[in-house]
PDB file of N, CA and C in Angstrom:
ATOM      1  N   MET A   1      36.237  37.376  -7.190  1.00  0.00           N
ATOM      2  CA  MET A   1      34.798  36.899  -6.722  1.00  0.00           C
ATOM      3  C   MET A   1      34.154  38.037  -6.612  1.00  0.00           C
ATOM      4  N   THR A   2      32.949  37.851  -7.202  1.00  0.00           N
ATOM      5  CA  THR A   2      31.965  39.098  -6.719  1.00  0.00           C
ATOM      6  C   THR A   2      30.314  38.874  -5.822  1.00  0.00           C
ATOM      7  N   ASN A   3      30.252  40.119  -5.423  1.00  0.00           N
ATOM      8  CA  ASN A   3      29.647  40.163  -4.186  1.00  0.00           C
ATOM      9  C   ASN A   3      28.354  39.360  -4.659  1.00  0.00           C
ATOM     10  N   PRO A   4      27.629  38.349  -3.591  1.00  0.00           N
ATOM     11  CA  PRO A   4      26.492  37.492  -4.161  1.00  0.00           C
ATOM     12  C   PRO A   4      25.338  38.397  -4.043  1.00  0.00           C
ATOM     13  N   TYR A   5      25.273  39.577  -3.696  1.00  0.00           N
ATOM     14  CA  TYR A   5      24.164  40.893  -3.859  1.00  0.00           C
ATOM     15  C   TYR A   5      24.162  41.621  -4.990  1.00  0.00           C
ATOM     16  N   VAL A   6      25.294  41.348  -5.644  1.00  0.00           N
ATOM     17  CA  VAL A   6      25.235  42.106  -7.014  1.00  0.00           C
ATOM     18  C   VAL A   6      24.270  42.005  -8.508  1.00  0.00           C
ATOM     19  N   PRO A   7      23.933  40.769  -8.269  1.00  0.00           N
ATOM     20  CA  PRO A   7      22.568  40.392  -9.278  1.00  0.00           C
ATOM     21  C   PRO A   7      21.444  40.980  -9.076  1.00  0.00           C
ATOM     22  N   LEU A   8      21.223  40.654  -7.204  1.00  0.00           N
ATOM     23  CA  LEU A   8      19.657  41.286  -6.836  1.00  0.00           C
ATOM     24  C   LEU A   8      19.878  43.106  -7.263  1.00  0.00           C
ATOM     25  N   LEU A   9      20.810  43.943  -6.721  1.00  0.00           N
ATOM     26  CA  LEU A   9      21.085  44.857  -7.241  1.00  0.00           C
ATOM     27  C   LEU A   9      20.738  45.268  -8.306  1.00  0.00           C
ATOM     28  N   PHE A  10      21.450  44.596  -9.159  1.00  0.00           N
ATOM     29  CA  PHE A  10      21.546  44.491 -10.517  1.00  0.00           C
ATOM     30  C   PHE A  10      19.385  44.669 -11.047  1.00  0.00           C
ATOM     31  N   LEU A  11      19.040  43.746 -10.478  1.00  0.00           N
ATOM     32  CA  LEU A  11      17.738  43.286 -11.108  1.00  0.00           C
ATOM     33  C   LEU A  11      17.212  44.388 -10.184  1.00  0.00           C
ATOM     34  N   MET A  12      16.739  44.856  -9.059  1.00  0.00           N
ATOM     35  CA  MET A  12      16.401  45.939  -8.352  1.00  0.00           C
ATOM     36  C   MET A  12      16.445  47.147  -9.425  1.00  0.00           C
ATOM     37  N   GLY A  13      17.896  47.714 -10.114  1.00  0.00           N
ATOM     38  CA  GLY A  13      18.149  48.774 -10.662  1.00  0.00           C
ATOM     39  C   GLY A  13      17.654  48.762 -12.069  1.00  0.00           C
ATOM     40  N   VAL A  14      17.159  47.617 -12.519  1.00  0.00           N
ATOM     41  CA  VAL A  14      16.725  47.350 -13.764  1.00  0.00           C
ATOM     42  C   VAL A  14      14.983  47.181 -13.782  1.00  0.00           C
ATOM     43  N   ALA A  15      14.505  47.184 -12.600  1.00  0.00           N
ATOM     44  CA  ALA A  15      13.051  47.399 -12.402  1.00  0.00           C
ATOM     45  C   ALA A  15      12.773  48.582 -12.053  1.00  0.00           C
ATOM     46  N   ALA A  16      13.791  49.720 -11.305  1.00  0.00           N
ATOM     47  CA  ALA A  16      13.556  51.055 -10.849  1.00  0.00           C
ATOM     48  C   ALA A  16      13.541  51.739 -12.445  1.00  0.00           C
ATOM     49  N   VAL A  17      14.571  51.422 -13.233  1.00  0.00           N
ATOM     50  CA  VAL A  17      14.654  51.876 -14.639  1.00  0.00           C
ATOM     51  C   VAL A  17      13.092  51.862 -15.296  1.00  0.00           C
ATOM     52  N   LEU A  18      12.760  50.638 -15.439  1.00  0.00           N
ATOM     53  CA  LEU A  18      11.749  50.442 -16.186  1.00  0.00           C
ATOM     54  C   LEU A  18      10.649  51.288 -15.320  1.00  0.00           C
ATOM     55  N   ALA A  19      10.368  50.532 -14.158  1.00  0.00           N
ATOM     56  CA  ALA A  19       9.272  51.345 -13.856  1.00  0.00           C
ATOM     57  C   ALA A  19       9.090  53.123 -14.036  1.00  0.00           C
ATOM     58  N   LEU A  20       9.944  53.636 -14.081  1.00  0.00           N
ATOM     59  CA  LEU A  20      10.420  55.037 -13.838  1.00  0.00           C
ATOM     60  C   LEU A  20      10.148  55.480 -15.082  1.00  0.00           C
ATOM     61  N   GLY A  21      11.005  54.459 -15.807  1.00  0.00           N
ATOM     62  CA  GLY A  21      10.589  55.084 -17.584  1.00  0.00           C
ATOM     63  C   GLY A  21       9.929  54.808 -18.334  1.00  0.00           C
ATOM     64  N   GLY A  22       8.917  53.897 -17.632  1.00  0.00           N
ATOM     65  CA  GLY A  22       7.331  53.962 -18.037  1.00  0.00           C
ATOM     66  C   GLY A  22       6.724  55.266 -17.672  1.00  0.00           C
ATOM     67  N   VAL A  23       6.625  55.656 -16.379  1.00  0.00           N
ATOM     68  CA  VAL A  23       5.917  57.095 -15.776  1.00  0.00           C
ATOM     69  C   VAL A  23       6.391  57.860 -16.556  1.00  0.00           C
ATOM     70  N   GLY A  24       7.987  58.195 -16.969  1.00  0.00           N
ATOM     71  CA  GLY A  24       8.263  59.383 -17.972  1.00  0.00           C
ATOM     72  C   GLY A  24       7.973  59.370 -19.020  1.00  0.00           C
ATOM     73  N   ALA A  25       7.915  58.196 -19.734  1.00  0.00           N
ATOM     74  CA  ALA A  25       7.562  57.857 -21.043  1.00  0.00           C
ATOM     75  C   ALA A  25       5.867  58.496 -21.387  1.00  0.00           C
ATOM     76  N   SER A  26       4.970  57.853 -20.287  1.00  0.00           N
ATOM     77  CA  SER A  26       3.404  58.399 -20.728  1.00  0.00           C
ATOM     78  C   SER A  26       3.120  59.543 -20.009  1.00  0.00           C
ATOM     79  N   ALA A  27       4.280  60.035 -19.394  1.00  0.00           N
ATOM     80  CA  ALA A  27       4.009  61.689 -19.410  1.00  0.00           C
ATOM     81  C   ALA A  27       4.444  62.413 -21.174  1.00  0.00           C
ATOM     82  N   ILE A  28       5.719  61.930 -21.262  1.00  0.00           N
ATOM     83  CA  ILE A  28       5.741  62.691 -22.423  1.00  0.00           C
ATOM     84  C   ILE A  28       5.007  62.403 -23.777  1.00  0.00           C
ATOM     85  N   LEU A  29       4.810  61.368 -23.911  1.00  0.00           N
ATOM     86  CA  LEU A  29       4.445  60.740 -25.054  1.00  0.00           C
ATOM     87  C   LEU A  29       2.434  60.649 -24.969  1.00  0.00           C
ATOM     88  N   GLY A  30       1.629  60.945 -24.083  1.00  0.00           N
ATOM     89  CA  GLY A  30       0.487  60.560 -23.211  1.00  0.00           C
ATOM     90  C   GLY A  30      -0.203  61.447 -24.316  1.00  0.00           C
ATOM     91  N   PRO A  31      -1.154  61.639 -24.650  1.00  0.00           N
ATOM     92  CA  PRO A  31      -2.023  62.910 -24.571  1.00  0.00           C
ATOM     93  C   PRO A  31      -2.439  64.374 -24.021  1.00  0.00           C
ATOM     94  N   LYS A  32      -2.364  65.262 -24.321  1.00  0.00           N
ATOM     95  CA  LYS A  32      -2.229  66.318 -23.254  1.00  0.00           C
ATOM     96  C   LYS A  32      -3.690  67.418 -23.681  1.00  0.00           C
ATOM     97  N   ARG A  33      -4.505  66.764 -24.255  1.00  0.00           N
ATOM     98  CA  ARG A  33      -5.580  67.391 -24.545  1.00  0.00           C
ATOM     99  C   ARG A  33      -7.272  66.730 -23.831  1.00  0.00           C
ATOM    100  N   TYR A  34      -6.914  68.125 -22.814  1.00  0.00           N
ATOM    101  CA  TYR A  34      -7.926  67.789 -21.379  1.00  0.00           C
ATOM    102  C   TYR A  34      -8.982  68.458 -21.775  1.00  0.00           C
ATOM    103  N   ASN A  35     -10.301  67.876 -20.987  1.00  0.00           N
ATOM    104  CA  ASN A  35     -11.792  68.610 -21.153  1.00  0.00           C
ATOM    105  C   ASN A  35     -12.527  68.392 -20.070  1.00  0.00           C
ATOM    106  N   ARG A  36     -13.482  68.826 -19.347  1.00  0.00           N
ATOM    107  CA  ARG A  36     -14.366  68.962 -18.718  1.00  0.00           C
ATOM    108  C   ARG A  36     -14.292  67.574 -17.773  1.00  0.00           C
ATOM    109  N   ALA A  37     -14.941  66.548 -19.696  1.00  0.00           N
ATOM    110  CA  ALA A  37     -15.790  65.535 -19.087  1.00  0.00           C
ATOM    111  C   ALA A  37     -14.242  64.686 -18.493  1.00  0.00           C
ATOM    112  N   LYS A  38     -13.001  64.588 -19.082  1.00  0.00           N
ATOM    113  CA  LYS A  38     -12.294  64.101 -18.644  1.00  0.00           C
ATOM    114  C   LYS A  38     -11.610  64.081 -17.071  1.00  0.00           C
ATOM    115  N   LEU A  39     -11.630  65.253 -16.885  1.00  0.00           N
ATOM    116  CA  LEU A  39     -11.067  65.667 -15.432  1.00  0.00           C
ATOM    117  C   LEU A  39     -12.285  65.603 -14.368  1.00  0.00           C
ATOM    118  N   ASP A  40     -13.405  65.232 -14.694  1.00  0.00           N
ATOM    119  CA  ASP A  40     -14.795  64.987 -13.879  1.00  0.00           C
ATOM    120  C   ASP A  40     -14.087  63.559 -12.832  1.00  0.00           C
ATOM    121  N   ALA A  41     -14.663  63.399 -12.266  1.00  0.00           N
ATOM    122  CA  ALA A  41     -14.419  61.931 -10.953  1.00  0.00           C
ATOM    123  C   ALA A  41     -15.498  60.975 -11.816  1.00  0.00           C
ATOM    124  N   TYR A  42     -15.174  59.701 -12.260  1.00  0.00           N
ATOM    125  CA  TYR A  42     -16.014  58.573 -12.924  1.00  0.00           C
ATOM    126  C   TYR A  42     -16.397  57.770 -11.795  1.00  0.00           C
ATOM    127  N   GLU A  43     -17.673  57.793 -11.984  1.00  0.00           N
ATOM    128  CA  GLU A  43     -18.183  56.535 -10.913  1.00  0.00           C
ATOM    129  C   GLU A  43     -19.183  56.078 -11.543  1.00  0.00           C
ATOM    130  N   CYS A  44     -18.948  54.690 -12.333  1.00  0.00           N
ATOM    131  CA  CYS A  44     -19.437  53.609 -13.473  1.00  0.00           C
ATOM    132  C   CYS A  44     -20.551  54.365 -13.831  1.00  0.00           C
ATOM    133  N   GLY A  45     -20.300  55.335 -14.598  1.00  0.00           N
ATOM    134  CA  GLY A  45     -21.337  55.840 -15.834  1.00  0.00           C
ATOM    135  C   GLY A  45     -22.512  56.952 -15.061  1.00  0.00           C
ATOM    136  N   ILE A  46     -22.246  57.140 -13.479  1.00  0.00           N
ATOM    137  CA  ILE A  46     -23.390  57.791 -12.652  1.00  0.00           C
ATOM    138  C   ILE A  46     -22.577  58.999 -12.131  1.00  0.00           C
ATOM    139  N   GLU A  47     -23.527  60.008 -12.214  1.00  0.00           N
ATOM    140  CA  GLU A  47     -23.275  61.355 -12.112  1.00  0.00           C
ATOM    141  C   GLU A  47     -22.788  61.290 -10.005  1.00  0.00           C
ATOM    142  N   PRO A  48     -21.540  61.917 -10.256  1.00  0.00           N
ATOM    143  CA  PRO A  48     -21.010  61.721  -8.503  1.00  0.00           C
ATOM    144  C   PRO A  48     -21.697  62.627  -7.823  1.00  0.00           C
ATOM    145  N   THR A  49     -22.320  61.913  -6.514  1.00  0.00           N
ATOM    146  CA  THR A  49     -22.831  62.659  -5.459  1.00  0.00           C
ATOM    147  C   THR A  49     -22.214  63.476  -4.742  1.00  0.00           C
ATOM    148  N   PRO A  50     -22.499  64.240  -4.010  1.00  0.00           N
ATOM    149  CA  PRO A  50     -21.889  64.971  -3.259  1.00  0.00           C
ATOM    150  C   PRO A  50     -22.157  64.086  -1.827  1.00  0.00           C
ATOM    151  N   HIS A  51     -20.645  64.637  -0.968  1.00  0.00           N
ATOM    152  CA  HIS A  51     -20.351  63.930   0.523  1.00  0.00           C
ATOM    153  C   HIS A  51     -21.864  63.868   1.143  1.00  0.00           C
ATOM    154  N   ALA A  52     -21.855  63.046   2.177  1.00  0.00           N
ATOM    155  CA  ALA A  52     -22.958  63.287   3.256  1.00  0.00           C
ATOM    156  C   ALA A  52     -22.358  64.119   4.090  1.00  0.00           C
ATOM    157  N   VAL A  53     -23.602  64.587   4.876  1.00  0.00           N
ATOM    158  CA  VAL A  53     -23.989  65.596   6.067  1.00  0.00           C
ATOM    159  C   VAL A  53     -22.890  64.908   6.699  1.00  0.00           C
ATOM    160  N   GLY A  54     -23.099  63.946   7.444  1.00  0.00           N
ATOM    161  CA  GLY A  54     -21.764  63.349   8.119  1.00  0.00           C
ATOM    162  C   GLY A  54     -20.577  63.212   8.197  1.00  0.00           C
ATOM    163  N   GLY A  55     -19.874  63.583   7.016  1.00  0.00           N
ATOM    164  CA  GLY A  55     -18.900  63.785   6.279  1.00  0.00           C
ATOM    165  C   GLY A  55     -18.328  62.108   5.633  1.00  0.00           C
ATOM    166  N   GLY A  56     -19.444  61.788   4.986  1.00  0.00           N
ATOM    167  CA  GLY A  56     -19.551  60.805   4.148  1.00  0.00           C
ATOM    168  C   GLY A  56     -18.518  59.283   4.668  1.00  0.00           C
ATOM    169  N   ARG A  57     -19.184  58.767   5.424  1.00  0.00           N
ATOM    170  CA  ARG A  57     -18.680  57.712   6.019  1.00  0.00           C
ATOM    171  C   ARG A  57     -19.204  56.359   5.199  1.00  0.00           C
ATOM    172  N   PHE A  58     -18.419  55.165   5.202  1.00  0.00           N
ATOM    173  CA  PHE A  58     -18.979  53.960   4.708  1.00  0.00           C
ATOM    174  C   PHE A  58     -19.612  53.393   4.990  1.00  0.00           C
ATOM    175  N   PRO A  59     -20.719  52.428   4.847  1.00  0.00           N
ATOM    176  CA  PRO A  59     -21.501  51.901   5.584  1.00  0.00           C
ATOM    177  C   PRO A  59     -20.900  50.525   6.211  1.00  0.00           C
ATOM    178  N   ILE A  60     -21.815  50.188   7.309  1.00  0.00           N
ATOM    179  CA  ILE A  60     -20.583  48.620   8.028  1.00  0.00           C
ATOM    180  C   ILE A  60     -20.426  47.439   7.181  1.00  0.00           C
ATOM    181  N   LYS A  61     -21.469  47.755   5.981  1.00  0.00           N
ATOM    182  CA  LYS A  61     -21.876  46.792   5.376  1.00  0.00           C
ATOM    183  C   LYS A  61     -20.189  46.479   4.736  1.00  0.00           C
ATOM    184  N   TYR A  62     -19.688  47.439   4.172  1.00  0.00           N
ATOM    185  CA  TYR A  62     -18.697  47.674   3.669  1.00  0.00           C
ATOM    186  C   TYR A  62     -17.486  47.030   4.341  1.00  0.00           C
ATOM    187  N   TYR A  63     -17.274  47.094   5.452  1.00  0.00           N
ATOM    188  CA  TYR A  63     -16.344  46.636   6.369  1.00  0.00           C
ATOM    189  C   TYR A  63     -16.404  45.533   6.636  1.00  0.00           C
ATOM    190  N   LEU A  64     -17.940  44.658   6.452  1.00  0.00           N
ATOM    191  CA  LEU A  64     -18.137  43.564   6.617  1.00  0.00           C
ATOM    192  C   LEU A  64     -17.719  42.671   5.786  1.00  0.00           C
ATOM    193  N   VAL A  65     -18.328  43.459   4.555  1.00  0.00           N
ATOM    194  CA  VAL A  65     -17.576  42.077   3.648  1.00  0.00           C
ATOM    195  C   VAL A  65     -15.916  42.222   3.191  1.00  0.00           C
ATOM    196  N   ALA A  66     -15.799  43.272   3.584  1.00  0.00           N
ATOM    197  CA  ALA A  66     -13.914  43.400   3.567  1.00  0.00           C
ATOM    198  C   ALA A  66     -13.253  42.206   4.630  1.00  0.00           C
ATOM    199  N   MET A  67     -14.153  42.097   5.587  1.00  0.00           N
ATOM    200  CA  MET A  67     -13.583  41.613   6.991  1.00  0.00           C
ATOM    201  C   MET A  67     -13.782  39.781   6.471  1.00  0.00           C
ATOM    202  N   THR A  68     -14.967  39.803   5.369  1.00  0.00           N
ATOM    203  CA  THR A  68     -15.333  38.574   5.342  1.00  0.00           C
ATOM    204  C   THR A  68     -14.000  37.740   4.483  1.00  0.00           C
ATOM    205  N   PHE A  69     -13.588  38.435   3.282  1.00  0.00           N
ATOM    206  CA  PHE A  69     -12.443  38.254   2.714  1.00  0.00           C
ATOM    207  C   PHE A  69     -11.407  38.097   2.859  1.00  0.00           C
ATOM    208  N   ILE A  70     -11.164  38.879   4.164  1.00  0.00           N
ATOM    209  CA  ILE A  70      -9.679  39.025   4.778  1.00  0.00           C
ATOM    210  C   ILE A  70      -9.381  37.532   6.137  1.00  0.00           C
ATOM    211  N   ILE A  71     -10.500  37.286   6.652  1.00  0.00           N
ATOM    212  CA  ILE A  71     -11.070  35.919   7.139  1.00  0.00           C
ATOM    213  C   ILE A  71     -10.463  34.681   6.657  1.00  0.00           C
ATOM    214  N   PHE A  72     -11.756  34.915   5.609  1.00  0.00           N
ATOM    215  CA  PHE A  72     -11.492  33.423   4.922  1.00  0.00           C
ATOM    216  C   PHE A  72     -10.538  33.202   3.936  1.00  0.00           C
ATOM    217  N   ASP A  73      -9.523  34.780   3.557  1.00  0.00           N
ATOM    218  CA  ASP A  73      -8.357  34.280   2.498  1.00  0.00           C
ATOM    219  C   ASP A  73      -7.185  33.934   3.670  1.00  0.00           C
ATOM    220  N   ILE A  74      -6.891  34.459   4.648  1.00  0.00           N
ATOM    221  CA  ILE A  74      -6.134  33.983   5.847  1.00  0.00           C
ATOM    222  C   ILE A  74      -6.524  32.496   6.151  1.00  0.00           C
ATOM    223  N   GLU A  75      -7.703  31.843   6.430  1.00  0.00           N
ATOM    224  CA  GLU A  75      -7.926  30.656   6.707  1.00  0.00           C
ATOM    225  C   GLU A  75      -7.396  29.881   5.800  1.00  0.00           C
ATOM    226  N   VAL A  76      -7.395  30.260   4.533  1.00  0.00           N
ATOM    227  CA  VAL A  76      -7.028  29.125   3.337  1.00  0.00           C
ATOM    228  C   VAL A  76      -5.625  29.047   3.385  1.00  0.00           C
ATOM    229  N   VAL A  77      -4.970  30.219   3.617  1.00  0.00           N
ATOM    230  CA  VAL A  77      -3.251  30.514   3.600  1.00  0.00           C
ATOM    231  C   VAL A  77      -2.812  29.890   4.093  1.00  0.00           C
ATOM    232  N   PHE A  78      -3.164  29.877   6.001  1.00  0.00           N
ATOM    233  CA  PHE A  78      -3.099  28.662   7.035  1.00  0.00           C
ATOM    234  C   PHE A  78      -3.570  27.588   6.925  1.00  0.00           C
ATOM    235  N   LEU A  79      -4.797  27.005   5.725  1.00  0.00           N
ATOM    236  CA  LEU A  79      -5.060  25.871   5.991  1.00  0.00           C
ATOM    237  C   LEU A  79      -4.382  24.931   5.268  1.00  0.00           C
ATOM    238  N   TYR A  80      -3.869  25.260   3.987  1.00  0.00           N
ATOM    239  CA  TYR A  80      -3.302  24.532   2.697  1.00  0.00           C
ATOM    240  C   TYR A  80      -1.764  24.145   3.135  1.00  0.00           C
ATOM    241  N   PRO A  81      -0.930  24.641   3.676  1.00  0.00           N
ATOM    242  CA  PRO A  81       0.326  23.748   4.137  1.00  0.00           C
ATOM    243  C   PRO A  81      -0.108  22.790   5.246  1.00  0.00           C
ATOM    244  N   TRP A  82      -0.917  22.824   5.753  1.00  0.00           N
ATOM    245  CA  TRP A  82      -1.555  21.821   7.250  1.00  0.00           C
ATOM    246  C   TRP A  82      -1.881  20.941   6.224  1.00  0.00           C
ATOM    247  N   ALA A  83      -2.897  21.122   5.359  1.00  0.00           N
ATOM    248  CA  ALA A  83      -3.111  20.054   5.008  1.00  0.00           C
ATOM    249  C   ALA A  83      -2.392  19.092   3.737  1.00  0.00           C
ATOM    250  N   VAL A  84      -1.285  20.354   3.474  1.00  0.00           N
ATOM    251  CA  VAL A  84       0.065  19.132   2.839  1.00  0.00           C
ATOM    252  C   VAL A  84       0.990  18.232   3.760  1.00  0.00           C
ATOM    253  N   ASN A  85       0.998  19.149   5.311  1.00  0.00           N
ATOM    254  CA  ASN A  85       1.996  18.259   5.851  1.00  0.00           C
ATOM    255  C   ASN A  85       1.334  17.723   7.131  1.00  0.00           C
ATOM    256  N   PHE A  86      -0.354  17.370   6.626  1.00  0.00           N
ATOM    257  CA  PHE A  86      -0.779  16.334   8.063  1.00  0.00           C
ATOM    258  C   PHE A  86      -0.039  15.522   8.388  1.00  0.00           C
ATOM    259  N   THR A  87       0.225  14.775   7.745  1.00  0.00           N
ATOM    260  CA  THR A  87       0.888  13.369   8.456  1.00  0.00           C
ATOM    261  C   THR A  87       2.245  13.544   8.900  1.00  0.00           C
ATOM    262  N   GLU A  88       3.017  14.457   8.805  1.00  0.00           N
ATOM    263  CA  GLU A  88       4.106  14.902   8.864  1.00  0.00           C
ATOM    264  C   GLU A  88       3.872  15.702  10.820  1.00  0.00           C
ATOM    265  N   LEU A  89       2.933  16.439  10.674  1.00  0.00           N
ATOM    266  CA  LEU A  89       2.315  17.265  12.033  1.00  0.00           C
ATOM    267  C   LEU A  89       1.584  16.658  12.917  1.00  0.00           C
ATOM    268  N   ALA A  90       1.409  15.459  12.684  1.00  0.00           N
ATOM    269  CA  ALA A  90       0.740  14.532  13.945  1.00  0.00           C
ATOM    270  C   ALA A  90      -0.394  15.258  15.014  1.00  0.00           C
ATOM    271  N   THR A  91      -0.387  14.746  15.855  1.00  0.00           N
ATOM    272  CA  THR A  91      -1.403  15.278  17.112  1.00  0.00           C
ATOM    273  C   THR A  91      -1.044  17.022  17.409  1.00  0.00           C
ATOM    274  N   PHE A  92       0.329  17.262  17.127  1.00  0.00           N
ATOM    275  CA  PHE A  92       0.671  18.420  17.423  1.00  0.00           C
ATOM    276  C   PHE A  92       0.117  19.392  16.371  1.00  0.00           C
ATOM    277  N   GLY A  93      -0.108  18.839  15.302  1.00  0.00           N
ATOM    278  CA  GLY A  93      -0.564  20.124  13.859  1.00  0.00           C
ATOM    279  C   GLY A  93      -1.975  19.949  14.451  1.00  0.00           C
ATOM    280  N   LEU A  94      -2.870  19.038  14.724  1.00  0.00           N
ATOM    281  CA  LEU A  94      -4.060  18.782  14.508  1.00  0.00           C
ATOM    282  C   LEU A  94      -5.034  19.822  15.620  1.00  0.00           C
ATOM    283  N   VAL A  95      -3.806  19.934  16.520  1.00  0.00           N
ATOM    284  CA  VAL A  95      -4.242  20.686  18.042  1.00  0.00           C
ATOM    285  C   VAL A  95      -4.512  22.152  17.784  1.00  0.00           C
ATOM    286  N   ALA A  96      -2.884  22.549  16.670  1.00  0.00           N
ATOM    287  CA  ALA A  96      -2.356  23.945  16.793  1.00  0.00           C
ATOM    288  C   ALA A  96      -3.900  24.322  15.691  1.00  0.00           C
ATOM    289  N   MET A  97      -3.938  23.128  14.679  1.00  0.00           N
ATOM    290  CA  MET A  97      -4.766  23.958  13.728  1.00  0.00           C
ATOM    291  C   MET A  97      -6.491  23.956  14.164  1.00  0.00           C
ATOM    292  N   LEU A  98      -6.442  23.138  15.132  1.00  0.00           N
ATOM    293  CA  LEU A  98      -8.224  23.404  16.125  1.00  0.00           C
ATOM    294  C   LEU A  98      -8.194  24.932  16.671  1.00  0.00           C
ATOM    295  N   GLY A  99      -6.612  25.229  17.090  1.00  0.00           N
ATOM    296  CA  GLY A  99      -6.886  26.211  18.096  1.00  0.00           C
ATOM    297  C   GLY A  99      -7.246  27.466  16.996  1.00  0.00           C
ATOM    298  N   PHE A 100      -6.583  27.314  16.127  1.00  0.00           N
ATOM    299  CA  PHE A 100      -6.717  28.372  14.741  1.00  0.00           C
ATOM    300  C   PHE A 100      -7.719  28.428  14.400  1.00  0.00           C
ATOM    301  N   LEU A 101      -8.299  27.150  13.990  1.00  0.00           N
ATOM    302  CA  LEU A 101      -9.903  27.490  13.429  1.00  0.00           C
ATOM    303  C   LEU A 101     -10.979  27.864  14.390  1.00  0.00           C
ATOM    304  N   ALA A 102     -10.507  27.859  16.149  1.00  0.00           N
ATOM    305  CA  ALA A 102     -11.589  28.286  17.058  1.00  0.00           C
ATOM    306  C   ALA A 102     -11.169  29.875  17.225  1.00  0.00           C
ATOM    307  N   LEU A 103     -10.052  30.334  16.755  1.00  0.00           N
ATOM    308  CA  LEU A 103      -9.568  31.877  16.720  1.00  0.00           C
ATOM    309  C   LEU A 103      -9.915  32.537  15.715  1.00  0.00           C
ATOM    310  N   ILE A 104     -10.120  31.535  14.566  1.00  0.00           N
ATOM    311  CA  ILE A 104     -10.864  32.280  13.068  1.00  0.00           C
ATOM    312  C   ILE A 104     -12.803  32.104  13.532  1.00  0.00           C
ATOM    313  N   THR A 105     -13.224  31.212  14.462  1.00  0.00           N
ATOM    314  CA  THR A 105     -14.647  31.747  14.972  1.00  0.00           C
ATOM    315  C   THR A 105     -14.980  32.821  15.202  1.00  0.00           C
ATOM    316  N   VAL A 106     -14.379  32.926  16.062  1.00  0.00           N
ATOM    317  CA  VAL A 106     -14.714  34.351  16.504  1.00  0.00           C
ATOM    318  C   VAL A 106     -14.737  35.829  16.023  1.00  0.00           C
ATOM    319  N   PRO A 107     -14.021  35.936  14.892  1.00  0.00           N
ATOM    320  CA  PRO A 107     -14.564  37.285  13.809  1.00  0.00           C
ATOM    321  C   PRO A 107     -15.220  36.588  12.702  1.00  0.00           C
ATOM    322  N   PHE A 108     -16.021  35.463  12.784  1.00  0.00           N
ATOM    323  CA  PHE A 108     -16.567  34.878  12.078  1.00  0.00           C
ATOM    324  C   PHE A 108     -18.168  34.654  12.719  1.00  0.00           C
ATOM    325  N   VAL A 109     -18.346  35.021  13.958  1.00  0.00           N
ATOM    326  CA  VAL A 109     -19.469  34.602  14.415  1.00  0.00           C
ATOM    327  C   VAL A 109     -19.531  36.373  14.893  1.00  0.00           C
ATOM    328  N   TYR A 110     -19.020  37.043  14.908  1.00  0.00           N
ATOM    329  CA  TYR A 110     -19.505  38.724  15.100  1.00  0.00           C
ATOM    330  C   TYR A 110     -19.759  39.254  13.658  1.00  0.00           C
ATOM    331  N   GLU A 111     -19.392  38.750  12.630  1.00  0.00           N
ATOM    332  CA  GLU A 111     -19.892  39.021  11.255  1.00  0.00           C
ATOM    333  C   GLU A 111     -20.947  38.411  11.500  1.00  0.00           C
ATOM    334  N   TRP A 112     -21.356  37.402  11.607  1.00  0.00           N
ATOM    335  CA  TRP A 112     -22.858  36.685  11.484  1.00  0.00           C
ATOM    336  C   TRP A 112     -23.666  37.413  12.236  1.00  0.00           C
ATOM    337  N   ARG A 113     -23.505  37.649  13.457  1.00  0.00           N
ATOM    338  CA  ARG A 113     -23.958  38.684  14.128  1.00  0.00           C
ATOM    339  C   ARG A 113     -24.267  39.977  14.042  1.00  0.00           C
ATOM    340  N   ARG A 114     -23.663  40.860  13.186  1.00  0.00           N
ATOM    341  CA  ARG A 114     -23.565  41.975  12.788  1.00  0.00           C
ATOM    342  C   ARG A 114     -24.201  41.908  11.655  1.00  0.00           C
ATOM    343  N   GLY A 115     -24.769  40.617  11.001  1.00  0.00           N
ATOM    344  CA  GLY A 115     -25.698  40.877   9.666  1.00  0.00           C
ATOM    345  C   GLY A 115     -24.854  40.832   8.616  1.00  0.00           C
ATOM    346  N   GLY A 116     -23.519  40.535   8.343  1.00  0.00           N
ATOM    347  CA  GLY A 116     -22.605  40.995   7.079  1.00  0.00           C
ATOM    348  C   GLY A 116     -22.784  39.715   6.489  1.00  0.00           C
ATOM    349  N   PHE A 117     -24.096  38.331   6.467  1.00  0.00           N
ATOM    350  CA  PHE A 117     -23.996  37.856   5.663  1.00  0.00           C
ATOM    351  C   PHE A 117     -25.322  37.286   4.960  1.00  0.00           C
ATOM    352  N   GLU A 118     -26.138  38.803   5.426  1.00  0.00           N
ATOM    353  CA  GLU A 118     -27.530  39.132   4.249  1.00  0.00           C
ATOM    354  C   GLU A 118     -27.373  39.801   3.893  1.00  0.00           C
ATOM    355  N   TRP A 119     -27.621  39.419   2.529  1.00  0.00           N
ATOM    356  CA  TRP A 119     -26.975  40.284   1.637  1.00  0.00           C
ATOM    357  C   TRP A 119     -29.014  40.626   0.920  1.00  0.00           C
ATOM    358  N   ASP A 120     -28.759  42.209   0.735  1.00  0.00           N
ATOM    359  CA  ASP A 120     -30.127  43.105   0.761  1.00  0.00           C
ATOM    360  C   ASP A 120     -30.156  43.364  -0.978  1.00  0.00           C
TER     361      ASP A 120
END
């Protein structure tokens, strides 16, 4: 009788061999002719700018857009299973989801007041 974890360990070993083999093969077989243009940082065809005097801080808009994505992504992840099992969850499920939506509203209102939905 074999251990039930043997196939899982075998699959993990195969995945590790393929991952390391791909990295190793690209290092061995890849082109090695480097020039200044290939070694420069690439920013969508625009010459890279030096960092700002204040340490190169990102504007708040960047974080607000990221927050929007995360908030709505999490909301959909929790709303979908609830919608599928709506009849089985009954009143408890409805109250729990209303509480969740109330909690999700807090960062939504925060972002709205900070101007995250105003596109310049």
